[in-house]
PDB file of N, CA and C in Angstrom:
ATOM      1  N   MET A   1    -107.421-147.075  83.431  1.00  0.00           N
ATOM      2  CA  MET A   1    -108.436-147.322  82.410  1.00  0.00           C
ATOM      3  C   MET A   1    -107.836-148.152  81.280  1.00  0.00           C
ATOM      4  N   THR A   2    -108.573-149.129  80.830  1.00  0.00           N
ATOM      5  CA  THR A   2    -108.119-150.012  79.769  1.00  0.00           C
ATOM      6  C   THR A   2    -108.169-149.298  78.422  1.00  0.00           C
ATOM      7  N   ALA A   3    -107.076-149.386  77.681  1.00  0.00           N
ATOM      8  CA  ALA A   3    -107.025-148.758  76.357  1.00  0.00           C
ATOM      9  C   ALA A   3    -107.957-149.486  75.394  1.00  0.00           C
ATOM     10  N   LYS A   4    -108.597-148.702  74.518  1.00  0.00           N
ATOM     11  CA  LYS A   4    -109.491-149.254  73.501  1.00  0.00           C
ATOM     12  C   LYS A   4    -108.738-149.339  72.174  1.00  0.00           C
ATOM     13  N   ILE A   5    -108.788-150.529  71.572  1.00  0.00           N
ATOM     14  CA  ILE A   5    -108.108-150.779  70.305  1.00  0.00           C
ATOM     15  C   ILE A   5    -109.144-151.202  69.269  1.00  0.00           C
ATOM     16  N   LEU A   6    -109.085-150.598  68.097  1.00  0.00           N
ATOM     17  CA  LEU A   6    -109.912-151.014  66.966  1.00  0.00           C
ATOM     18  C   LEU A   6    -109.039-151.821  66.023  1.00  0.00           C
ATOM     19  N   VAL A   7    -109.493-153.034  65.679  1.00  0.00           N
ATOM     20  CA  VAL A   7    -108.772-153.899  64.748  1.00  0.00           C
ATOM     21  C   VAL A   7    -109.665-154.145  63.543  1.00  0.00           C
ATOM     22  N   ALA A   8    -109.133-153.928  62.339  1.00  0.00           N
ATOM     23  CA  ALA A   8    -109.893-154.158  61.111  1.00  0.00           C
ATOM     24  C   ALA A   8    -109.121-155.084  60.186  1.00  0.00           C
ATOM     25  N   ASP A   9    -109.756-156.192  59.821  1.00  0.00           N
ATOM     26  CA  ASP A   9    -109.171-157.148  58.878  1.00  0.00           C
ATOM     27  C   ASP A   9    -110.310-157.954  58.281  1.00  0.00           C
ATOM     28  N   ASP A  10    -110.259-158.209  56.979  1.00  0.00           N
ATOM     29  CA  ASP A  10    -111.329-158.960  56.330  1.00  0.00           C
ATOM     30  C   ASP A  10    -111.119-160.468  56.410  1.00  0.00           C
ATOM     31  N   GLU A  11    -109.963-160.916  56.871  1.00  0.00           N
ATOM     32  CA  GLU A  11    -109.715-162.347  57.031  1.00  0.00           C
ATOM     33  C   GLU A  11    -110.096-162.747  58.452  1.00  0.00           C
ATOM     34  N   PRO A  12    -111.156-163.568  58.607  1.00  0.00           N
ATOM     35  CA  PRO A  12    -111.654-163.905  59.943  1.00  0.00           C
ATOM     36  C   PRO A  12    -110.596-164.490  60.883  1.00  0.00           C
ATOM     37  N   ASP A  13    -109.733-165.365  60.376  1.00  0.00           N
ATOM     38  CA  ASP A  13    -108.715-165.978  61.239  1.00  0.00           C
ATOM     39  C   ASP A  13    -107.718-164.946  61.747  1.00  0.00           C
ATOM     40  N   VAL A  14    -107.300-164.042  60.872  1.00  0.00           N
ATOM     41  CA  VAL A  14    -106.342-163.002  61.263  1.00  0.00           C
ATOM     42  C   VAL A  14    -107.001-162.031  62.246  1.00  0.00           C
ATOM     43  N   LEU A  15    -108.244-161.664  61.959  1.00  0.00           N
ATOM     44  CA  LEU A  15    -108.978-160.764  62.853  1.00  0.00           C
ATOM     45  C   LEU A  15    -109.116-161.388  64.238  1.00  0.00           C
ATOM     46  N   PHE A  16    -109.481-162.672  64.267  1.00  0.00           N
ATOM     47  CA  PHE A  16    -109.628-163.359  65.549  1.00  0.00           C
ATOM     48  C   PHE A  16    -108.307-163.401  66.307  1.00  0.00           C
ATOM     49  N   MET A  17    -107.240-163.802  65.632  1.00  0.00           N
ATOM     50  CA  MET A  17    -105.950-163.947  66.309  1.00  0.00           C
ATOM     51  C   MET A  17    -105.427-162.602  66.815  1.00  0.00           C
ATOM     52  N   THR A  18    -105.556-161.577  66.001  1.00  0.00           N
ATOM     53  CA  THR A  18    -105.094-160.252  66.414  1.00  0.00           C
ATOM     54  C   THR A  18    -105.905-159.750  67.605  1.00  0.00           C
ATOM     55  N   SER A  19    -107.212-159.861  67.511  1.00  0.00           N
ATOM     56  CA  SER A  19    -108.085-159.409  68.600  1.00  0.00           C
ATOM     57  C   SER A  19    -107.854-160.213  69.868  1.00  0.00           C
ATOM     58  N   PHE A  20    -107.765-161.530  69.718  1.00  0.00           N
ATOM     59  CA  PHE A  20    -107.537-162.410  70.867  1.00  0.00           C
ATOM     60  C   PHE A  20    -106.228-162.060  71.564  1.00  0.00           C
ATOM     61  N   SER A  21    -105.183-161.860  70.782  1.00  0.00           N
ATOM     62  CA  SER A  21    -103.869-161.526  71.351  1.00  0.00           C
ATOM     63  C   SER A  21    -103.922-160.212  72.119  1.00  0.00           C
ATOM     64  N   LEU A  22    -104.514-159.202  71.511  1.00  0.00           N
ATOM     65  CA  LEU A  22    -104.592-157.892  72.157  1.00  0.00           C
ATOM     66  C   LEU A  22    -105.458-157.938  73.419  1.00  0.00           C
ATOM     67  N   ARG A  23    -106.532-158.725  73.351  1.00  0.00           N
ATOM     68  CA  ARG A  23    -107.453-158.821  74.482  1.00  0.00           C
ATOM     69  C   ARG A  23    -106.864-159.690  75.602  1.00  0.00           C
ATOM     70  N   SER A  24    -106.428-160.897  75.258  1.00  0.00           N
ATOM     71  CA  SER A  24    -105.990-161.871  76.264  1.00  0.00           C
ATOM     72  C   SER A  24    -104.582-161.622  76.778  1.00  0.00           C
ATOM     73  N   LEU A  25    -103.660-161.373  75.873  1.00  0.00           N
ATOM     74  CA  LEU A  25    -102.269-161.175  76.274  1.00  0.00           C
ATOM     75  C   LEU A  25    -101.984-159.724  76.642  1.00  0.00           C
ATOM     76  N   GLY A  26    -102.657-158.805  75.973  1.00  0.00           N
ATOM     77  CA  GLY A  26    -102.391-157.386  76.201  1.00  0.00           C
ATOM     78  C   GLY A  26    -103.303-156.730  77.210  1.00  0.00           C
ATOM     79  N   GLY A  27    -104.476-157.330  77.445  1.00  0.00           N
ATOM     80  CA  GLY A  27    -105.420-156.762  78.391  1.00  0.00           C
ATOM     81  C   GLY A  27    -106.179-155.553  77.875  1.00  0.00           C
ATOM     82  N   PHE A  28    -106.240-155.396  76.562  1.00  0.00           N
ATOM     83  CA  PHE A  28    -106.914-154.247  75.958  1.00  0.00           C
ATOM     84  C   PHE A  28    -108.384-154.550  75.681  1.00  0.00           C
ATOM     85  N   GLN A  29    -109.184-153.499  75.583  1.00  0.00           N
ATOM     86  CA  GLN A  29    -110.558-153.623  75.118  1.00  0.00           C
ATOM     87  C   GLN A  29    -110.492-153.536  73.597  1.00  0.00           C
ATOM     88  N   VAL A  30    -111.045-154.524  72.897  1.00  0.00           N
ATOM     89  CA  VAL A  30    -110.886-154.604  71.444  1.00  0.00           C
ATOM     90  C   VAL A  30    -112.241-154.526  70.741  1.00  0.00           C
ATOM     91  N   PHE A  31    -112.288-153.718  69.686  1.00  0.00           N
ATOM     92  CA  PHE A  31    -113.444-153.623  68.802  1.00  0.00           C
ATOM     93  C   PHE A  31    -113.009-154.144  67.441  1.00  0.00           C
ATOM     94  N   GLU A  32    -113.890-154.865  66.749  1.00  0.00           N
ATOM     95  CA  GLU A  32    -113.537-155.481  65.469  1.00  0.00           C
ATOM     96  C   GLU A  32    -114.352-154.902  64.320  1.00  0.00           C
ATOM     97  N   ALA A  33    -113.659-154.695  63.197  1.00  0.00           N
ATOM     98  CA  ALA A  33    -114.300-154.287  61.945  1.00  0.00           C
ATOM     99  C   ALA A  33    -113.837-155.253  60.861  1.00  0.00           C
ATOM    100  N   HIS A  34    -114.709-155.517  59.889  1.00  0.00           N
ATOM    101  CA  HIS A  34    -114.413-156.512  58.857  1.00  0.00           C
ATOM    102  C   HIS A  34    -114.029-155.916  57.512  1.00  0.00           C
ATOM    103  N   ASP A  35    -114.051-154.601  57.408  1.00  0.00           N
ATOM    104  CA  ASP A  35    -113.601-153.930  56.189  1.00  0.00           C
ATOM    105  C   ASP A  35    -113.256-152.483  56.535  1.00  0.00           C
ATOM    106  N   GLY A  36    -112.701-151.780  55.569  1.00  0.00           N
ATOM    107  CA  GLY A  36    -112.245-150.423  55.822  1.00  0.00           C
ATOM    108  C   GLY A  36    -113.351-149.438  56.144  1.00  0.00           C
ATOM    109  N   ALA A  37    -114.485-149.557  55.458  1.00  0.00           N
ATOM    110  CA  ALA A  37    -115.596-148.633  55.711  1.00  0.00           C
ATOM    111  C   ALA A  37    -116.148-148.830  57.118  1.00  0.00           C
ATOM    112  N   GLU A  38    -116.283-150.079  57.522  1.00  0.00           N
ATOM    113  CA  GLU A  38    -116.754-150.366  58.881  1.00  0.00           C
ATOM    114  C   GLU A  38    -115.751-149.838  59.912  1.00  0.00           C
ATOM    115  N   ALA A  39    -114.468-149.914  59.591  1.00  0.00           N
ATOM    116  CA  ALA A  39    -113.431-149.408  60.502  1.00  0.00           C
ATOM    117  C   ALA A  39    -113.584-147.902  60.721  1.00  0.00           C
ATOM    118  N   VAL A  40    -113.840-147.162  59.649  1.00  0.00           N
ATOM    119  CA  VAL A  40    -114.021-145.711  59.769  1.00  0.00           C
ATOM    120  C   VAL A  40    -115.246-145.408  60.635  1.00  0.00           C
ATOM    121  N   GLU A  41    -116.355-146.093  60.353  1.00  0.00           N
ATOM    122  CA  GLU A  41    -117.588-145.883  61.119  1.00  0.00           C
ATOM    123  C   GLU A  41    -117.376-146.214  62.596  1.00  0.00           C
ATOM    124  N   MET A  42    -116.720-147.339  62.857  1.00  0.00           N
ATOM    125  CA  MET A  42    -116.510-147.772  64.229  1.00  0.00           C
ATOM    126  C   MET A  42    -115.536-146.854  64.966  1.00  0.00           C
ATOM    127  N   ALA A  43    -114.535-146.352  64.262  1.00  0.00           N
ATOM    128  CA  ALA A  43    -113.585-145.428  64.890  1.00  0.00           C
ATOM    129  C   ALA A  43    -114.315-144.186  65.390  1.00  0.00           C
ATOM    130  N   ILE A  44    -115.183-143.644  64.560  1.00  0.00           N
ATOM    131  CA  ILE A  44    -115.931-142.440  64.938  1.00  0.00           C
ATOM    132  C   ILE A  44    -116.868-142.733  66.111  1.00  0.00           C
ATOM    133  N   ARG A  45    -117.478-143.906  66.102  1.00  0.00           N
ATOM    134  CA  ARG A  45    -118.430-144.269  67.153  1.00  0.00           C
ATOM    135  C   ARG A  45    -117.744-144.615  68.482  1.00  0.00           C
ATOM    136  N   GLU A  46    -116.649-145.381  68.425  1.00  0.00           N
ATOM    137  CA  GLU A  46    -116.019-145.905  69.649  1.00  0.00           C
ATOM    138  C   GLU A  46    -114.848-145.073  70.168  1.00  0.00           C
ATOM    139  N   MET A  47    -114.282-144.207  69.339  1.00  0.00           N
ATOM    140  CA  MET A  47    -113.149-143.357  69.723  1.00  0.00           C
ATOM    141  C   MET A  47    -112.002-144.173  70.346  1.00  0.00           C
ATOM    142  N   PRO A  48    -111.419-145.103  69.592  1.00  0.00           N
ATOM    143  CA  PRO A  48    -110.347-145.936  70.148  1.00  0.00           C
ATOM    144  C   PRO A  48    -109.077-145.135  70.423  1.00  0.00           C
ATOM    145  N   ASP A  49    -108.243-145.701  71.299  1.00  0.00           N
ATOM    146  CA  ASP A  49    -106.961-145.085  71.634  1.00  0.00           C
ATOM    147  C   ASP A  49    -105.893-145.434  70.609  1.00  0.00           C
ATOM    148  N   LEU A  50    -106.111-146.520  69.859  1.00  0.00           N
ATOM    149  CA  LEU A  50    -105.172-146.972  68.831  1.00  0.00           C
ATOM    150  C   LEU A  50    -105.956-147.787  67.816  1.00  0.00           C
ATOM    151  N   ILE A  51    -105.514-147.747  66.554  1.00  0.00           N
ATOM    152  CA  ILE A  51    -106.210-148.446  65.472  1.00  0.00           C
ATOM    153  C   ILE A  51    -105.218-149.326  64.725  1.00  0.00           C
ATOM    154  N   VAL A  52    -105.647-150.566  64.434  1.00  0.00           N
ATOM    155  CA  VAL A  52    -104.848-151.513  63.653  1.00  0.00           C
ATOM    156  C   VAL A  52    -105.646-151.833  62.392  1.00  0.00           C
ATOM    157  N   LEU A  53    -105.065-151.543  61.221  1.00  0.00           N
ATOM    158  CA  LEU A  53    -105.758-151.748  59.946  1.00  0.00           C
ATOM    159  C   LEU A  53    -104.972-152.669  59.028  1.00  0.00           C
ATOM    160  N   ASP A  54    -105.657-153.665  58.475  1.00  0.00           N
ATOM    161  CA  ASP A  54    -105.078-154.451  57.392  1.00  0.00           C
ATOM    162  C   ASP A  54    -105.078-153.560  56.148  1.00  0.00           C
ATOM    163  N   ILE A  55    -104.160-153.814  55.228  1.00  0.00           N
ATOM    164  CA  ILE A  55    -104.099-153.005  54.003  1.00  0.00           C
ATOM    165  C   ILE A  55    -105.171-153.424  53.000  1.00  0.00           C
ATOM    166  N   LYS A  56    -105.202-154.709  52.684  1.00  0.00           N
ATOM    167  CA  LYS A  56    -106.109-155.207  51.643  1.00  0.00           C
ATOM    168  C   LYS A  56    -107.443-155.607  52.251  1.00  0.00           C
ATOM    169  N   MET A  57    -108.422-154.703  52.135  1.00  0.00           N
ATOM    170  CA  MET A  57    -109.771-154.971  52.637  1.00  0.00           C
ATOM    171  C   MET A  57    -110.789-154.477  51.620  1.00  0.00           C
ATOM    172  N   PRO A  58    -111.998-155.069  51.639  1.00  0.00           N
ATOM    173  CA  PRO A  58    -113.048-154.593  50.740  1.00  0.00           C
ATOM    174  C   PRO A  58    -113.619-153.250  51.194  1.00  0.00           C
ATOM    175  N   ARG A  59    -114.358-152.641  50.300  1.00  0.00           N
ATOM    176  CA  ARG A  59    -115.030-151.347  50.483  1.00  0.00           C
ATOM    177  C   ARG A  59    -114.044-150.198  50.589  1.00  0.00           C
ATOM    178  N   LEU A  60    -113.147-150.221  51.541  1.00  0.00           N
ATOM    179  CA  LEU A  60    -112.049-149.247  51.635  1.00  0.00           C
ATOM    180  C   LEU A  60    -110.795-150.019  52.014  1.00  0.00           C
ATOM    181  N   THR A  61    -109.682-149.717  51.364  1.00  0.00           N
ATOM    182  CA  THR A  61    -108.422-150.343  51.769  1.00  0.00           C
ATOM    183  C   THR A  61    -107.977-149.743  53.103  1.00  0.00           C
ATOM    184  N   GLY A  62    -106.971-150.349  53.697  1.00  0.00           N
ATOM    185  CA  GLY A  62    -106.407-149.793  54.922  1.00  0.00           C
ATOM    186  C   GLY A  62    -105.877-148.386  54.709  1.00  0.00           C
ATOM    187  N   TYR A  63    -105.280-148.148  53.529  1.00  0.00           N
ATOM    188  CA  TYR A  63    -104.780-146.801  53.214  1.00  0.00           C
ATOM    189  C   TYR A  63    -105.921-145.790  53.191  1.00  0.00           C
ATOM    190  N   GLU A  64    -107.007-146.154  52.485  1.00  0.00           N
ATOM    191  CA  GLU A  64    -108.155-145.247  52.361  1.00  0.00           C
ATOM    192  C   GLU A  64    -108.813-145.001  53.722  1.00  0.00           C
ATOM    193  N   ALA A  65    -108.951-146.069  54.502  1.00  0.00           N
ATOM    194  CA  ALA A  65    -109.537-145.926  55.837  1.00  0.00           C
ATOM    195  C   ALA A  65    -108.660-145.028  56.707  1.00  0.00           C
ATOM    196  N   CYS A  66    -107.359-145.218  56.622  1.00  0.00           N
ATOM    197  CA  CYS A  66    -106.421-144.404  57.390  1.00  0.00           C
ATOM    198  C   CYS A  66    -106.577-142.925  57.019  1.00  0.00           C
ATOM    199  N   ARG A  67    -106.644-142.643  55.732  1.00  0.00           N
ATOM    200  CA  ARG A  67    -106.811-141.254  55.280  1.00  0.00           C
ATOM    201  C   ARG A  67    -108.112-140.646  55.817  1.00  0.00           C
ATOM    202  N   GLN A  68    -109.201-141.417  55.728  1.00  0.00           N
ATOM    203  CA  GLN A  68    -110.495-140.897  56.193  1.00  0.00           C
ATOM    204  C   GLN A  68    -110.502-140.676  57.701  1.00  0.00           C
ATOM    205  N   ILE A  69    -109.883-141.585  58.429  1.00  0.00           N
ATOM    206  CA  ILE A  69    -109.809-141.438  59.886  1.00  0.00           C
ATOM    207  C   ILE A  69    -108.974-140.214  60.241  1.00  0.00           C
ATOM    208  N   ARG A  70    -107.862-140.024  59.553  1.00  0.00           N
ATOM    209  CA  ARG A  70    -106.980-138.881  59.832  1.00  0.00           C
ATOM    210  C   ARG A  70    -107.644-137.537  59.524  1.00  0.00           C
ATOM    211  N   LYS A  71    -108.657-137.530  58.663  1.00  0.00           N
ATOM    212  CA  LYS A  71    -109.372-136.280  58.363  1.00  0.00           C
ATOM    213  C   LYS A  71    -110.159-135.780  59.571  1.00  0.00           C
ATOM    214  N   GLN A  72    -110.468-136.679  60.490  1.00  0.00           N
ATOM    215  CA  GLN A  72    -111.209-136.320  61.697  1.00  0.00           C
ATOM    216  C   GLN A  72    -110.243-135.706  62.707  1.00  0.00           C
ATOM    217  N   GLU A  73    -110.539-134.526  63.170  1.00  0.00           N
ATOM    218  CA  GLU A  73    -109.672-133.829  64.128  1.00  0.00           C
ATOM    219  C   GLU A  73    -109.384-134.675  65.363  1.00  0.00           C
ATOM    220  N   ALA A  74    -110.367-135.431  65.821  1.00  0.00           N
ATOM    221  CA  ALA A  74    -110.212-136.241  67.035  1.00  0.00           C
ATOM    222  C   ALA A  74    -109.131-137.312  66.894  1.00  0.00           C
ATOM    223  N   PHE A  75    -108.786-137.675  65.660  1.00  0.00           N
ATOM    224  CA  PHE A  75    -107.820-138.755  65.425  1.00  0.00           C
ATOM    225  C   PHE A  75    -106.473-138.257  64.918  1.00  0.00           C
ATOM    226  N   ARG A  76    -106.241-136.974  65.022  1.00  0.00           N
ATOM    227  CA  ARG A  76    -104.987-136.410  64.521  1.00  0.00           C
ATOM    228  C   ARG A  76    -103.768-137.077  65.154  1.00  0.00           C
ATOM    229  N   ASP A  77    -103.846-137.366  66.453  1.00  0.00           N
ATOM    230  CA  ASP A  77    -102.708-137.945  67.162  1.00  0.00           C
ATOM    231  C   ASP A  77    -102.900-139.411  67.541  1.00  0.00           C
ATOM    232  N   THR A  78    -103.977-140.027  67.101  1.00  0.00           N
ATOM    233  CA  THR A  78    -104.227-141.430  67.432  1.00  0.00           C
ATOM    234  C   THR A  78    -103.276-142.322  66.640  1.00  0.00           C
ATOM    235  N   PRO A  79    -102.540-143.210  67.319  1.00  0.00           N
ATOM    236  CA  PRO A  79    -101.651-144.117  66.587  1.00  0.00           C
ATOM    237  C   PRO A  79    -102.449-145.059  65.682  1.00  0.00           C
ATOM    238  N   ILE A  80    -101.968-145.219  64.454  1.00  0.00           N
ATOM    239  CA  ILE A  80    -102.569-146.155  63.502  1.00  0.00           C
ATOM    240  C   ILE A  80    -101.469-147.074  62.992  1.00  0.00           C
ATOM    241  N   ILE A  81    -101.687-148.383  63.180  1.00  0.00           N
ATOM    242  CA  ILE A  81    -100.751-149.396  62.696  1.00  0.00           C
ATOM    243  C   ILE A  81    -101.355-150.043  61.461  1.00  0.00           C
ATOM    244  N   LEU A  82    -100.610-150.065  60.362  1.00  0.00           N
ATOM    245  CA  LEU A  82    -101.031-150.772  59.157  1.00  0.00           C
ATOM    246  C   LEU A  82    -100.345-152.126  59.137  1.00  0.00           C
ATOM    247  N   LEU A  83    -101.116-153.180  58.842  1.00  0.00           N
ATOM    248  CA  LEU A  83    -100.586-154.534  58.738  1.00  0.00           C
ATOM    249  C   LEU A  83    -100.658-154.985  57.290  1.00  0.00           C
ATOM    250  N   SER A  84     -99.580-155.587  56.808  1.00  0.00           N
ATOM    251  CA  SER A  84     -99.573-156.047  55.421  1.00  0.00           C
ATOM    252  C   SER A  84     -98.664-157.252  55.259  1.00  0.00           C
ATOM    253  N   ALA A  85     -99.024-158.106  54.322  1.00  0.00           N
ATOM    254  CA  ALA A  85     -98.175-159.245  53.983  1.00  0.00           C
ATOM    255  C   ALA A  85     -97.070-158.817  53.025  1.00  0.00           C
ATOM    256  N   LYS A  86     -97.190-157.608  52.494  1.00  0.00           N
ATOM    257  CA  LYS A  86     -96.210-157.118  51.521  1.00  0.00           C
ATOM    258  C   LYS A  86     -95.386-155.992  52.125  1.00  0.00           C
ATOM    259  N   GLY A  87     -94.089-156.029  51.859  1.00  0.00           N
ATOM    260  CA  GLY A  87     -93.214-155.012  52.424  1.00  0.00           C
ATOM    261  C   GLY A  87     -92.468-154.209  51.383  1.00  0.00           C
ATOM    262  N   GLN A  88     -93.053-154.069  50.181  1.00  0.00           N
ATOM    263  CA  GLN A  88     -92.404-153.273  49.151  1.00  0.00           C
ATOM    264  C   GLN A  88     -92.316-151.819  49.598  1.00  0.00           C
ATOM    265  N   LYS A  89     -91.240-151.186  49.190  1.00  0.00           N
ATOM    266  CA  LYS A  89     -90.984-149.798  49.575  1.00  0.00           C
ATOM    267  C   LYS A  89     -92.150-148.883  49.207  1.00  0.00           C
ATOM    268  N   THR A  90     -92.735-149.077  48.026  1.00  0.00           N
ATOM    269  CA  THR A  90     -93.833-148.208  47.591  1.00  0.00           C
ATOM    270  C   THR A  90     -95.055-148.357  48.496  1.00  0.00           C
ATOM    271  N   GLU A  91     -95.340-149.583  48.938  1.00  0.00           N
ATOM    272  CA  GLU A  91     -96.482-149.800  49.832  1.00  0.00           C
ATOM    273  C   GLU A  91     -96.243-149.160  51.193  1.00  0.00           C
ATOM    274  N   ILE A  92     -95.024-149.300  51.695  1.00  0.00           N
ATOM    275  CA  ILE A  92     -94.691-148.702  52.989  1.00  0.00           C
ATOM    276  C   ILE A  92     -94.796-147.181  52.900  1.00  0.00           C
ATOM    277  N   GLU A  93     -94.272-146.607  51.813  1.00  0.00           N
ATOM    278  CA  GLU A  93     -94.356-145.155  51.620  1.00  0.00           C
ATOM    279  C   GLU A  93     -95.802-144.688  51.529  1.00  0.00           C
ATOM    280  N   GLU A  94     -96.639-145.474  50.842  1.00  0.00           N
ATOM    281  CA  GLU A  94     -98.054-145.107  50.751  1.00  0.00           C
ATOM    282  C   GLU A  94     -98.698-145.118  52.134  1.00  0.00           C
ATOM    283  N   GLY A  95     -98.270-146.045  52.974  1.00  0.00           N
ATOM    284  CA  GLY A  95     -98.774-146.096  54.347  1.00  0.00           C
ATOM    285  C   GLY A  95     -98.426-144.847  55.133  1.00  0.00           C
ATOM    286  N   TRP A  96     -97.172-144.396  55.016  1.00  0.00           N
ATOM    287  CA  TRP A  96     -96.762-143.165  55.709  1.00  0.00           C
ATOM    288  C   TRP A  96     -97.551-141.973  55.173  1.00  0.00           C
ATOM    289  N   GLU A  97     -97.713-141.914  53.848  1.00  0.00           N
ATOM    290  CA  GLU A  97     -98.451-140.804  53.235  1.00  0.00           C
ATOM    291  C   GLU A  97     -99.922-140.786  53.664  1.00  0.00           C
ATOM    292  N   ALA A  98    -100.472-141.978  53.926  1.00  0.00           N
ATOM    293  CA  ALA A  98    -101.871-142.066  54.360  1.00  0.00           C
ATOM    294  C   ALA A  98    -102.046-141.614  55.806  1.00  0.00           C
ATOM    295  N   GLY A  99    -100.934-141.546  56.541  1.00  0.00           N
ATOM    296  CA  GLY A  99    -101.007-141.095  57.929  1.00  0.00           C
ATOM    297  C   GLY A  99    -100.728-142.161  58.965  1.00  0.00           C
ATOM    298  N   ALA A 100    -100.205-143.309  58.534  1.00  0.00           N
ATOM    299  CA  ALA A 100     -99.901-144.384  59.485  1.00  0.00           C
ATOM    300  C   ALA A 100     -98.780-143.979  60.434  1.00  0.00           C
ATOM    301  N   THR A 101     -98.874-144.478  61.641  1.00  0.00           N
ATOM    302  CA  THR A 101     -97.843-144.270  62.648  1.00  0.00           C
ATOM    303  C   THR A 101     -96.806-145.383  62.551  1.00  0.00           C
ATOM    304  N   GLU A 102     -97.276-146.571  62.178  1.00  0.00           N
ATOM    305  CA  GLU A 102     -96.435-147.770  62.153  1.00  0.00           C
ATOM    306  C   GLU A 102     -96.886-148.659  61.003  1.00  0.00           C
ATOM    307  N   TYR A 103     -95.939-149.415  60.438  1.00  0.00           N
ATOM    308  CA  TYR A 103     -96.232-150.356  59.360  1.00  0.00           C
ATOM    309  C   TYR A 103     -95.607-151.676  59.778  1.00  0.00           C
ATOM    310  N   MET A 104     -96.420-152.707  59.978  1.00  0.00           N
ATOM    311  CA  MET A 104     -95.911-154.012  60.397  1.00  0.00           C
ATOM    312  C   MET A 104     -96.225-155.060  59.344  1.00  0.00           C
ATOM    313  N   LEU A 105     -95.281-155.970  59.167  1.00  0.00           N
ATOM    314  CA  LEU A 105     -95.453-157.044  58.194  1.00  0.00           C
ATOM    315  C   LEU A 105     -96.062-158.282  58.834  1.00  0.00           C
ATOM    316  N   LYS A 106     -96.968-158.925  58.081  1.00  0.00           N
ATOM    317  CA  LYS A 106     -97.516-160.225  58.472  1.00  0.00           C
ATOM    318  C   LYS A 106     -96.598-161.297  57.887  1.00  0.00           C
ATOM    319  N   PRO A 107     -96.443-162.414  58.513  1.00  0.00           N
ATOM    320  CA  PRO A 107     -96.939-162.716  59.855  1.00  0.00           C
ATOM    321  C   PRO A 107     -96.083-162.033  60.903  1.00  0.00           C
ATOM    322  N   TYR A 108     -96.662-161.804  62.040  1.00  0.00           N
ATOM    323  CA  TYR A 108     -95.954-161.149  63.140  1.00  0.00           C
ATOM    324  C   TYR A 108     -96.214-161.956  64.408  1.00  0.00           C
ATOM    325  N   ALA A 109     -95.307-161.860  65.346  1.00  0.00           N
ATOM    326  CA  ALA A 109     -95.507-162.513  66.638  1.00  0.00           C
ATOM    327  C   ALA A 109     -96.453-161.645  67.462  1.00  0.00           C
ATOM    328  N   PRO A 110     -97.468-162.240  68.081  1.00  0.00           N
ATOM    329  CA  PRO A 110     -98.395-161.449  68.892  1.00  0.00           C
ATOM    330  C   PRO A 110     -97.692-160.579  69.932  1.00  0.00           C
ATOM    331  N   VAL A 111     -96.634-161.100  70.549  1.00  0.00           N
ATOM    332  CA  VAL A 111     -95.932-160.297  71.567  1.00  0.00           C
ATOM    333  C   VAL A 111     -95.274-159.071  70.945  1.00  0.00           C
ATOM    334  N   THR A 112     -94.863-159.179  69.682  1.00  0.00           N
ATOM    335  CA  THR A 112     -94.271-158.033  68.987  1.00  0.00           C
ATOM    336  C   THR A 112     -95.325-156.951  68.774  1.00  0.00           C
ATOM    337  N   LEU A 113     -96.501-157.349  68.321  1.00  0.00           N
ATOM    338  CA  LEU A 113     -97.593-156.390  68.123  1.00  0.00           C
ATOM    339  C   LEU A 113     -97.984-155.743  69.450  1.00  0.00           C
ATOM    340  N   ILE A 114     -98.146-156.548  70.482  1.00  0.00           N
ATOM    341  CA  ILE A 114     -98.537-156.017  71.793  1.00  0.00           C
ATOM    342  C   ILE A 114     -97.483-155.046  72.315  1.00  0.00           C
ATOM    343  N   GLY A 115     -96.220-155.397  72.152  1.00  0.00           N
ATOM    344  CA  GLY A 115     -95.143-154.508  72.586  1.00  0.00           C
ATOM    345  C   GLY A 115     -95.188-153.179  71.866  1.00  0.00           C
ATOM    346  N   ARG A 116     -95.403-153.235  70.571  1.00  0.00           N
ATOM    347  CA  ARG A 116     -95.458-151.998  69.782  1.00  0.00           C
ATOM    348  C   ARG A 116     -96.684-151.163  70.163  1.00  0.00           C
ATOM    349  N   VAL A 117     -97.812-151.825  70.375  1.00  0.00           N
ATOM    350  CA  VAL A 117     -99.027-151.126  70.798  1.00  0.00           C
ATOM    351  C   VAL A 117     -98.775-150.410  72.123  1.00  0.00           C
ATOM    352  N   ARG A 118     -98.167-151.102  73.067  1.00  0.00           N
ATOM    353  CA  ARG A 118     -97.877-150.483  74.374  1.00  0.00           C
ATOM    354  C   ARG A 118     -96.940-149.285  74.229  1.00  0.00           C
ATOM    355  N   GLU A 119     -95.921-149.423  73.385  1.00  0.00           N
ATOM    356  CA  GLU A 119     -94.991-148.307  73.162  1.00  0.00           C
ATOM    357  C   GLU A 119     -95.717-147.089  72.592  1.00  0.00           C
ATOM    358  N   LEU A 120     -96.547-147.328  71.591  1.00  0.00           N
ATOM    359  CA  LEU A 120     -97.268-146.224  70.953  1.00  0.00           C
ATOM    360  C   LEU A 120     -98.244-145.560  71.921  1.00  0.00           C
ATOM    361  N   LEU A 121     -98.918-146.363  72.728  1.00  0.00           N
ATOM    362  CA  LEU A 121     -99.859-145.799  73.696  1.00  0.00           C
ATOM    363  C   LEU A 121     -99.141-145.015  74.787  1.00  0.00           C
ATOM    364  N   SER A 122     -97.998-145.517  75.233  1.00  0.00           N
ATOM    365  CA  SER A 122     -97.274-144.815  76.300  1.00  0.00           C
ATOM    366  C   SER A 122     -96.650-143.518  75.790  1.00  0.00           C
ATOM    367  N   SER A 123     -96.259-143.490  74.520  1.00  0.00           N
ATOM    368  CA  SER A 123     -95.682-142.259  73.970  1.00  0.00           C
ATOM    369  C   SER A 123     -96.754-141.195  73.761  1.00  0.00           C
ATOM    370  N   ARG A 124     -97.987-141.629  73.687  1.00  0.00           N
ATOM    371  CA  ARG A 124     -99.115-140.713  73.490  1.00  0.00           C
ATOM    372  C   ARG A 124     -99.586-140.108  74.812  1.00  0.00           C
ATOM    373  N   ALA A 125     -99.337-140.828  75.905  1.00  0.00           N
ATOM    374  CA  ALA A 125     -99.837-140.399  77.229  1.00  0.00           C
ATOM    375  C   ALA A 125     -99.135-139.152  77.739  1.00  0.00           C
TER     376      ALA A 125
END
C-alpha cells in the first residue's frame, strides 16, 4: 500500500516541488494544504502516514498545526517533519516542543527529504 503524505506550505513553488518530489521520485500519495489550519483539517480527514509542515504559514504556523495535530490520539505516533529556512536553536527547540519528529532546513535536496521520509515510515512499521 502506498504511504499517504500530507504536505503544507504557503509558498506555491515550494509546495509544488515538495509534492512533486514525494509523488514522482518517492512514489507516495500526496495531499496538499496551503496553510496550517487547512493542514490540521486535512490531516483529520485524510489520516496521512506522515506529515510535512512549513513553519511560517498563515492562519496557523507549522508549530501551532503540529501541536493541534498531536492533540489527536490518532496522530500520537505519526511522523511530522517541520521545514524551515531558519535553523536557530530556539526555533529547532520550539519544533521539538511542538511534537515534531524531524526538523529539516530549506533548501533541501529532494532525495534527502525522500530518504528521511522513508526512514521515518519504516521505523513506524
